[in-house]
Amino acid sequence: MSEQTSFYDEVGGHDVFRRIVDAFYREVAADDILRPMYPEEDLGPAAERLLLFLEQYWGGPTTYGETRGHPRLRMRHMPFHVNPEARDRWLRAMRIAVDEAQLSPLHEATLWDYLQRAAHAMVNTFEPTGAGPTTEPRGGTNLPLHPGA
C-alpha cells in the first residue's frame, strides 16, 4: 500500500502557497473595491489566515483548523458586501497570483476550479455599492459572526 501525495506537496508545499498568497494580497492592496474589505491596517493577518486555510484545504498542515476551527467560509464573509463586482475583482487578483506561481497545467486547473467555485459561493448581495464590513449579516440569518458567539 503506497502513501498518497497531497496536492499541497505536489505543487511545492508552503513556499508555493506563500507566493500565491503574497501575490494575491499585493493585488488586494492596490484594489479600491477589495482593500476596504480588510479593515486591519496591515494585510498581514488576513494573508496569514488565507495561507493557513489554503494549506490545510490542499492537504498541508492543519494549523488553520487547530487555531480557528471550521472554516465556515460563508459565515465569515457574511459581514462583507460581496457582490459580483467584488467577486470578479477577487478572482482577478487571484488569477494573477496563480499565474505567477507557474503550476503545472493540471495543478493550475484544479486550483483554479476550486477558487472560482469558492468565489461564486461567497457572493451575498447584488447591491452595486459598498465593500467593507456591514452592521448586520446579509441574507437574513441570525448566524453568529464568529464561532462561539
N, C-alpha and C. Protein backbone atom coordinates (compact mmCIF):
# COMPACT_ATOMS: atom_id res chain seq x y z
N MET A 1 0.84 -1.17 0.00
CA MET A 1 0.00 0.00 0.00
C MET A 1 0.90 1.24 0.00
N SER A 2 0.75 2.09 -1.00
CA SER A 2 1.58 3.29 -1.07
C SER A 2 0.83 4.50 -0.50
N GLU A 3 1.60 5.40 0.07
CA GLU A 3 1.03 6.61 0.65
C GLU A 3 0.75 7.61 -0.47
N GLN A 4 -0.43 8.20 -0.45
CA GLN A 4 -0.82 9.15 -1.47
C GLN A 4 -0.21 10.52 -1.17
N THR A 5 0.29 11.18 -2.20
CA THR A 5 0.87 12.50 -2.05
C THR A 5 -0.25 13.54 -2.17
N SER A 6 -0.23 14.52 -1.29
CA SER A 6 -1.27 15.56 -1.31
C SER A 6 -0.99 16.57 -2.42
N PHE A 7 -2.03 17.27 -2.82
CA PHE A 7 -1.92 18.38 -3.76
C PHE A 7 -0.90 19.38 -3.23
N TYR A 8 -0.99 19.67 -1.95
CA TYR A 8 -0.09 20.59 -1.27
C TYR A 8 1.37 20.21 -1.55
N ASP A 9 1.70 18.96 -1.35
CA ASP A 9 3.07 18.50 -1.59
C ASP A 9 3.42 18.49 -3.07
N GLU A 10 2.48 18.08 -3.90
CA GLU A 10 2.74 18.00 -5.34
C GLU A 10 3.12 19.35 -5.94
N VAL A 11 2.49 20.43 -5.46
CA VAL A 11 2.77 21.75 -6.05
C VAL A 11 3.97 22.45 -5.44
N GLY A 12 4.50 21.92 -4.34
CA GLY A 12 5.67 22.54 -3.74
C GLY A 12 5.47 23.02 -2.32
N GLY A 13 4.32 22.72 -1.72
CA GLY A 13 4.09 22.99 -0.31
C GLY A 13 4.04 24.46 0.07
N HIS A 14 4.52 24.72 1.27
CA HIS A 14 4.41 26.05 1.89
C HIS A 14 4.93 27.17 1.00
N ASP A 15 6.08 26.99 0.39
CA ASP A 15 6.68 28.06 -0.40
C ASP A 15 5.77 28.50 -1.55
N VAL A 16 5.15 27.54 -2.22
CA VAL A 16 4.27 27.87 -3.35
C VAL A 16 3.01 28.58 -2.86
N PHE A 17 2.41 28.07 -1.80
CA PHE A 17 1.21 28.72 -1.28
C PHE A 17 1.54 30.11 -0.73
N ARG A 18 2.68 30.29 -0.12
CA ARG A 18 3.11 31.61 0.36
C ARG A 18 3.23 32.58 -0.80
N ARG A 19 3.83 32.14 -1.90
CA ARG A 19 3.97 33.02 -3.08
C ARG A 19 2.61 33.41 -3.64
N ILE A 20 1.68 32.45 -3.68
CA ILE A 20 0.33 32.75 -4.19
C ILE A 20 -0.35 33.78 -3.30
N VAL A 21 -0.30 33.56 -2.00
CA VAL A 21 -0.95 34.47 -1.06
C VAL A 21 -0.29 35.85 -1.08
N ASP A 22 1.02 35.91 -1.13
CA ASP A 22 1.70 37.21 -1.18
C ASP A 22 1.33 37.98 -2.44
N ALA A 23 1.31 37.30 -3.58
CA ALA A 23 0.94 37.97 -4.83
C ALA A 23 -0.53 38.42 -4.78
N PHE A 24 -1.39 37.59 -4.24
CA PHE A 24 -2.80 37.94 -4.13
C PHE A 24 -2.98 39.21 -3.29
N TYR A 25 -2.36 39.26 -2.12
CA TYR A 25 -2.53 40.43 -1.25
C TYR A 25 -1.82 41.67 -1.78
N ARG A 26 -0.81 41.51 -2.59
CA ARG A 26 -0.22 42.65 -3.29
C ARG A 26 -1.28 43.29 -4.19
N GLU A 27 -2.06 42.45 -4.87
CA GLU A 27 -3.12 42.94 -5.74
C GLU A 27 -4.28 43.54 -4.94
N VAL A 28 -4.64 42.89 -3.84
CA VAL A 28 -5.72 43.39 -2.98
C VAL A 28 -5.38 44.79 -2.48
N ALA A 29 -4.15 45.00 -2.07
CA ALA A 29 -3.74 46.29 -1.51
C ALA A 29 -3.93 47.43 -2.51
N ALA A 30 -3.87 47.12 -3.80
CA ALA A 30 -3.98 48.14 -4.83
C ALA A 30 -5.39 48.25 -5.42
N ASP A 31 -6.34 47.48 -4.89
CA ASP A 31 -7.68 47.44 -5.47
C ASP A 31 -8.66 48.23 -4.62
N ASP A 32 -9.34 49.20 -5.23
CA ASP A 32 -10.25 50.08 -4.48
C ASP A 32 -11.53 49.40 -4.03
N ILE A 33 -11.88 48.27 -4.58
CA ILE A 33 -13.06 47.52 -4.13
C ILE A 33 -12.68 46.52 -3.04
N LEU A 34 -11.58 45.82 -3.23
CA LEU A 34 -11.18 44.78 -2.29
C LEU A 34 -10.54 45.32 -1.01
N ARG A 35 -9.71 46.32 -1.12
CA ARG A 35 -8.95 46.77 0.05
C ARG A 35 -9.85 47.14 1.23
N PRO A 36 -10.99 47.83 1.03
CA PRO A 36 -11.84 48.16 2.18
C PRO A 36 -12.44 46.94 2.88
N MET A 37 -12.40 45.77 2.27
CA MET A 37 -12.94 44.58 2.90
C MET A 37 -12.00 44.04 3.99
N TYR A 38 -10.82 44.61 4.07
CA TYR A 38 -9.83 44.18 5.05
C TYR A 38 -9.59 45.35 6.00
N PRO A 39 -10.38 45.43 7.07
CA PRO A 39 -10.32 46.60 7.94
C PRO A 39 -9.02 46.76 8.73
N GLU A 40 -8.25 45.69 8.85
CA GLU A 40 -6.98 45.81 9.55
C GLU A 40 -6.04 46.69 8.73
N GLU A 41 -5.30 47.53 9.41
CA GLU A 41 -4.36 48.43 8.74
C GLU A 41 -3.34 47.63 7.92
N ASP A 42 -2.88 46.55 8.50
CA ASP A 42 -1.89 45.69 7.88
C ASP A 42 -2.60 44.46 7.31
N LEU A 43 -2.32 44.13 6.07
CA LEU A 43 -2.95 42.95 5.46
C LEU A 43 -2.31 41.64 5.94
N GLY A 44 -1.26 41.72 6.73
CA GLY A 44 -0.55 40.53 7.19
C GLY A 44 -1.42 39.49 7.87
N PRO A 45 -2.27 39.87 8.84
CA PRO A 45 -3.11 38.86 9.49
C PRO A 45 -4.07 38.16 8.51
N ALA A 46 -4.64 38.91 7.59
CA ALA A 46 -5.55 38.30 6.60
C ALA A 46 -4.77 37.35 5.70
N ALA A 47 -3.58 37.76 5.30
CA ALA A 47 -2.75 36.91 4.44
C ALA A 47 -2.39 35.61 5.17
N GLU A 48 -2.08 35.71 6.44
CA GLU A 48 -1.74 34.52 7.21
C GLU A 48 -2.94 33.58 7.31
N ARG A 49 -4.13 34.13 7.53
CA ARG A 49 -5.34 33.29 7.61
C ARG A 49 -5.59 32.58 6.29
N LEU A 50 -5.45 33.29 5.17
CA LEU A 50 -5.67 32.67 3.87
C LEU A 50 -4.62 31.59 3.62
N LEU A 51 -3.38 31.88 3.94
CA LEU A 51 -2.32 30.89 3.75
C LEU A 51 -2.62 29.62 4.53
N LEU A 52 -2.95 29.77 5.80
CA LEU A 52 -3.24 28.59 6.63
C LEU A 52 -4.45 27.82 6.10
N PHE A 53 -5.48 28.55 5.65
CA PHE A 53 -6.66 27.89 5.11
C PHE A 53 -6.30 27.09 3.86
N LEU A 54 -5.63 27.74 2.91
CA LEU A 54 -5.30 27.06 1.65
C LEU A 54 -4.39 25.86 1.89
N GLU A 55 -3.42 26.01 2.78
CA GLU A 55 -2.54 24.89 3.07
C GLU A 55 -3.32 23.70 3.62
N GLN A 56 -4.20 23.97 4.56
CA GLN A 56 -4.98 22.87 5.15
C GLN A 56 -5.92 22.26 4.12
N TYR A 57 -6.61 23.10 3.36
CA TYR A 57 -7.57 22.60 2.38
C TYR A 57 -6.89 21.65 1.38
N TRP A 58 -5.68 21.99 0.99
CA TRP A 58 -5.00 21.21 -0.04
C TRP A 58 -4.09 20.12 0.52
N GLY A 59 -4.23 19.79 1.79
CA GLY A 59 -3.54 18.64 2.34
C GLY A 59 -2.27 18.93 3.10
N GLY A 60 -2.04 20.19 3.43
CA GLY A 60 -0.86 20.56 4.21
C GLY A 60 -1.17 20.56 5.70
N PRO A 61 -0.41 21.34 6.46
CA PRO A 61 -0.60 21.40 7.91
C PRO A 61 -2.03 21.80 8.29
N THR A 62 -2.48 21.31 9.42
CA THR A 62 -3.86 21.57 9.87
C THR A 62 -3.93 22.73 10.86
N THR A 63 -2.98 23.63 10.77
CA THR A 63 -2.90 24.76 11.70
C THR A 63 -4.15 25.62 11.67
N TYR A 64 -4.74 25.82 10.49
CA TYR A 64 -5.95 26.65 10.40
C TYR A 64 -7.03 26.10 11.33
N GLY A 65 -7.36 24.84 11.18
CA GLY A 65 -8.41 24.23 12.00
C GLY A 65 -8.07 24.21 13.47
N GLU A 66 -6.81 24.01 13.78
CA GLU A 66 -6.38 23.97 15.18
C GLU A 66 -6.49 25.34 15.85
N THR A 67 -6.29 26.40 15.09
CA THR A 67 -6.31 27.74 15.68
C THR A 67 -7.62 28.48 15.45
N ARG A 68 -8.34 28.17 14.38
CA ARG A 68 -9.55 28.94 14.04
C ARG A 68 -10.81 28.09 13.99
N GLY A 69 -10.69 26.80 14.05
CA GLY A 69 -11.86 25.94 13.95
C GLY A 69 -12.27 25.71 12.51
N HIS A 70 -13.51 25.29 12.34
CA HIS A 70 -14.04 25.03 11.00
C HIS A 70 -13.99 26.31 10.17
N PRO A 71 -13.66 26.21 8.89
CA PRO A 71 -13.54 27.43 8.07
C PRO A 71 -14.80 28.30 8.00
N ARG A 72 -15.98 27.70 7.91
CA ARG A 72 -17.23 28.47 7.84
C ARG A 72 -17.09 29.67 6.90
N LEU A 73 -16.68 29.40 5.68
CA LEU A 73 -16.37 30.48 4.75
C LEU A 73 -17.53 31.45 4.52
N ARG A 74 -18.71 30.92 4.26
CA ARG A 74 -19.85 31.83 4.02
C ARG A 74 -20.14 32.67 5.25
N MET A 75 -20.13 32.08 6.41
CA MET A 75 -20.41 32.82 7.63
C MET A 75 -19.35 33.90 7.86
N ARG A 76 -18.09 33.55 7.68
CA ARG A 76 -17.02 34.52 7.93
C ARG A 76 -17.05 35.68 6.93
N HIS A 77 -17.60 35.46 5.75
CA HIS A 77 -17.67 36.52 4.74
C HIS A 77 -18.99 37.28 4.76
N MET A 78 -19.95 36.80 5.53
CA MET A 78 -21.27 37.41 5.55
C MET A 78 -21.27 38.90 5.93
N PRO A 79 -20.42 39.35 6.84
CA PRO A 79 -20.48 40.77 7.20
C PRO A 79 -19.94 41.71 6.12
N PHE A 80 -19.43 41.16 5.04
CA PHE A 80 -18.86 41.99 3.98
C PHE A 80 -19.77 42.03 2.77
N HIS A 81 -19.73 43.13 2.07
CA HIS A 81 -20.52 43.36 0.87
C HIS A 81 -19.81 42.65 -0.29
N VAL A 82 -20.16 41.39 -0.51
CA VAL A 82 -19.53 40.63 -1.58
C VAL A 82 -20.53 40.49 -2.72
N ASN A 83 -20.42 41.42 -3.65
CA ASN A 83 -21.29 41.39 -4.81
C ASN A 83 -20.51 40.83 -6.01
N PRO A 84 -21.16 40.68 -7.16
CA PRO A 84 -20.43 40.12 -8.31
C PRO A 84 -19.18 40.92 -8.70
N GLU A 85 -19.22 42.24 -8.54
CA GLU A 85 -18.02 43.03 -8.86
C GLU A 85 -16.87 42.68 -7.91
N ALA A 86 -17.17 42.58 -6.63
CA ALA A 86 -16.13 42.21 -5.65
C ALA A 86 -15.60 40.81 -5.95
N ARG A 87 -16.51 39.90 -6.28
CA ARG A 87 -16.09 38.54 -6.64
C ARG A 87 -15.15 38.57 -7.83
N ASP A 88 -15.51 39.33 -8.85
CA ASP A 88 -14.69 39.40 -10.06
C ASP A 88 -13.33 40.03 -9.78
N ARG A 89 -13.30 41.03 -8.91
CA ARG A 89 -12.02 41.64 -8.53
C ARG A 89 -11.17 40.64 -7.76
N TRP A 90 -11.80 39.88 -6.87
CA TRP A 90 -11.10 38.86 -6.10
C TRP A 90 -10.50 37.82 -7.05
N LEU A 91 -11.31 37.40 -8.01
CA LEU A 91 -10.83 36.41 -8.98
C LEU A 91 -9.71 36.97 -9.85
N ARG A 92 -9.78 38.24 -10.21
CA ARG A 92 -8.72 38.86 -11.00
C ARG A 92 -7.41 38.84 -10.20
N ALA A 93 -7.48 39.24 -8.95
CA ALA A 93 -6.28 39.25 -8.10
C ALA A 93 -5.73 37.84 -7.92
N MET A 94 -6.62 36.89 -7.71
CA MET A 94 -6.19 35.51 -7.51
C MET A 94 -5.65 34.91 -8.81
N ARG A 95 -6.22 35.31 -9.95
CA ARG A 95 -5.73 34.82 -11.25
C ARG A 95 -4.27 35.23 -11.44
N ILE A 96 -3.98 36.48 -11.12
CA ILE A 96 -2.60 36.97 -11.24
C ILE A 96 -1.69 36.15 -10.34
N ALA A 97 -2.13 35.92 -9.10
CA ALA A 97 -1.32 35.17 -8.14
C ALA A 97 -1.09 33.73 -8.60
N VAL A 98 -2.12 33.08 -9.08
CA VAL A 98 -1.98 31.69 -9.54
C VAL A 98 -1.08 31.63 -10.77
N ASP A 99 -1.25 32.58 -11.69
CA ASP A 99 -0.39 32.59 -12.87
C ASP A 99 1.07 32.76 -12.50
N GLU A 100 1.34 33.62 -11.52
CA GLU A 100 2.73 33.84 -11.09
C GLU A 100 3.34 32.59 -10.46
N ALA A 101 2.51 31.72 -9.91
CA ALA A 101 3.02 30.50 -9.27
C ALA A 101 3.53 29.49 -10.29
N GLN A 102 3.13 29.63 -11.55
CA GLN A 102 3.59 28.76 -12.62
C GLN A 102 3.44 27.27 -12.29
N LEU A 103 2.23 26.90 -11.89
CA LEU A 103 1.94 25.49 -11.60
C LEU A 103 1.83 24.70 -12.89
N SER A 104 1.88 23.40 -12.79
CA SER A 104 1.66 22.56 -13.96
C SER A 104 0.22 22.79 -14.43
N PRO A 105 -0.08 22.53 -15.69
CA PRO A 105 -1.44 22.76 -16.18
C PRO A 105 -2.52 22.04 -15.36
N LEU A 106 -2.26 20.80 -14.97
CA LEU A 106 -3.25 20.05 -14.19
C LEU A 106 -3.45 20.68 -12.81
N HIS A 107 -2.36 21.02 -12.14
CA HIS A 107 -2.48 21.64 -10.82
C HIS A 107 -3.14 23.02 -10.91
N GLU A 108 -2.77 23.78 -11.90
CA GLU A 108 -3.37 25.11 -12.09
C GLU A 108 -4.87 24.98 -12.31
N ALA A 109 -5.28 24.06 -13.16
CA ALA A 109 -6.71 23.88 -13.45
C ALA A 109 -7.47 23.42 -12.21
N THR A 110 -6.87 22.54 -11.44
CA THR A 110 -7.51 22.03 -10.22
C THR A 110 -7.69 23.15 -9.20
N LEU A 111 -6.63 23.91 -8.96
CA LEU A 111 -6.70 25.01 -8.02
C LEU A 111 -7.67 26.08 -8.50
N TRP A 112 -7.60 26.44 -9.77
CA TRP A 112 -8.45 27.50 -10.29
C TRP A 112 -9.93 27.11 -10.24
N ASP A 113 -10.23 25.87 -10.52
CA ASP A 113 -11.62 25.41 -10.43
C ASP A 113 -12.17 25.63 -9.03
N TYR A 114 -11.38 25.24 -8.03
CA TYR A 114 -11.82 25.43 -6.65
C TYR A 114 -11.99 26.92 -6.33
N LEU A 115 -11.02 27.73 -6.69
CA LEU A 115 -11.08 29.16 -6.38
C LEU A 115 -12.29 29.83 -7.03
N GLN A 116 -12.60 29.47 -8.25
CA GLN A 116 -13.78 30.03 -8.91
C GLN A 116 -15.06 29.63 -8.18
N ARG A 117 -15.18 28.36 -7.86
CA ARG A 117 -16.39 27.91 -7.15
C ARG A 117 -16.50 28.59 -5.79
N ALA A 118 -15.40 28.71 -5.07
CA ALA A 118 -15.42 29.37 -3.76
C ALA A 118 -15.81 30.83 -3.90
N ALA A 119 -15.27 31.52 -4.87
CA ALA A 119 -15.58 32.94 -5.06
C ALA A 119 -17.06 33.15 -5.38
N HIS A 120 -17.61 32.31 -6.22
CA HIS A 120 -19.04 32.42 -6.56
C HIS A 120 -19.91 32.14 -5.33
N ALA A 121 -19.48 31.23 -4.48
CA ALA A 121 -20.25 30.89 -3.29
C ALA A 121 -20.24 32.00 -2.25
N MET A 122 -19.27 32.91 -2.30
CA MET A 122 -19.17 33.97 -1.30
C MET A 122 -20.05 35.17 -1.61
N VAL A 123 -20.59 35.26 -2.83
CA VAL A 123 -21.46 36.38 -3.18
C VAL A 123 -22.67 36.36 -2.25
N ASN A 124 -22.91 37.49 -1.58
CA ASN A 124 -24.01 37.56 -0.62
C ASN A 124 -24.94 38.74 -0.87
N THR A 125 -24.71 39.48 -1.94
CA THR A 125 -25.59 40.58 -2.30
C THR A 125 -25.39 40.93 -3.78
N PHE A 126 -26.42 41.52 -4.34
CA PHE A 126 -26.30 42.02 -5.71
C PHE A 126 -26.40 43.54 -5.73
N GLU A 127 -26.34 44.14 -4.53
CA GLU A 127 -26.32 45.59 -4.42
C GLU A 127 -25.01 46.10 -5.03
N PRO A 128 -25.06 47.18 -5.79
CA PRO A 128 -23.87 47.63 -6.51
C PRO A 128 -22.82 48.37 -5.70
N THR A 129 -23.15 48.84 -4.51
CA THR A 129 -22.16 49.65 -3.79
C THR A 129 -21.81 49.03 -2.46
N GLY A 130 -20.79 49.60 -1.85
CA GLY A 130 -20.36 49.13 -0.54
C GLY A 130 -19.23 48.15 -0.69
N ALA A 131 -18.52 47.93 0.39
CA ALA A 131 -17.42 46.97 0.34
C ALA A 131 -17.09 46.45 1.72
N GLY A 132 -16.90 47.33 2.66
CA GLY A 132 -16.40 46.94 3.96
C GLY A 132 -17.42 46.23 4.81
N PRO A 133 -17.09 46.04 6.08
CA PRO A 133 -17.99 45.34 6.99
C PRO A 133 -19.34 46.04 7.09
N THR A 134 -20.38 45.25 7.20
CA THR A 134 -21.72 45.79 7.41
C THR A 134 -22.05 45.66 8.89
N THR A 135 -23.14 46.24 9.30
CA THR A 135 -23.51 46.15 10.71
C THR A 135 -24.26 44.87 11.01
N GLU A 136 -24.85 44.25 10.00
CA GLU A 136 -25.59 43.00 10.20
C GLU A 136 -25.19 42.01 9.13
N PRO A 137 -25.34 40.72 9.42
CA PRO A 137 -25.06 39.73 8.38
C PRO A 137 -26.07 39.85 7.26
N ARG A 138 -25.62 39.58 6.05
CA ARG A 138 -26.51 39.59 4.89
C ARG A 138 -27.26 38.26 4.82
N GLY A 139 -28.35 38.26 4.13
CA GLY A 139 -29.07 37.02 3.89
C GLY A 139 -30.13 36.72 4.92
N GLY A 140 -30.35 37.62 5.85
CA GLY A 140 -31.43 37.47 6.81
C GLY A 140 -31.26 36.35 7.81
N THR A 141 -30.04 35.91 8.05
CA THR A 141 -29.84 34.84 9.03
C THR A 141 -29.44 35.45 10.35
N ASN A 142 -29.58 34.69 11.39
CA ASN A 142 -29.14 35.13 12.70
C ASN A 142 -27.90 34.37 13.14
N LEU A 143 -27.07 33.96 12.16
CA LEU A 143 -25.87 33.23 12.48
C LEU A 143 -24.91 34.13 13.22
N PRO A 144 -24.17 33.58 14.19
CA PRO A 144 -23.16 34.39 14.85
C PRO A 144 -22.05 34.73 13.87
N LEU A 145 -21.41 35.87 14.05
CA LEU A 145 -20.35 36.29 13.14
C LEU A 145 -19.02 35.64 13.46
N HIS A 146 -18.91 34.96 14.58
CA HIS A 146 -17.69 34.23 14.87
C HIS A 146 -18.04 33.02 15.72
N PRO A 147 -17.21 31.98 15.63
CA PRO A 147 -17.50 30.78 16.39
C PRO A 147 -17.60 31.07 17.88
N GLY A 148 -18.53 30.46 18.52
CA GLY A 148 -18.69 30.59 19.95
C GLY A 148 -19.53 31.78 20.38
N ALA A 149 -20.00 32.57 19.40
CA ALA A 149 -20.80 33.75 19.77
C ALA A 149 -22.20 33.34 20.16
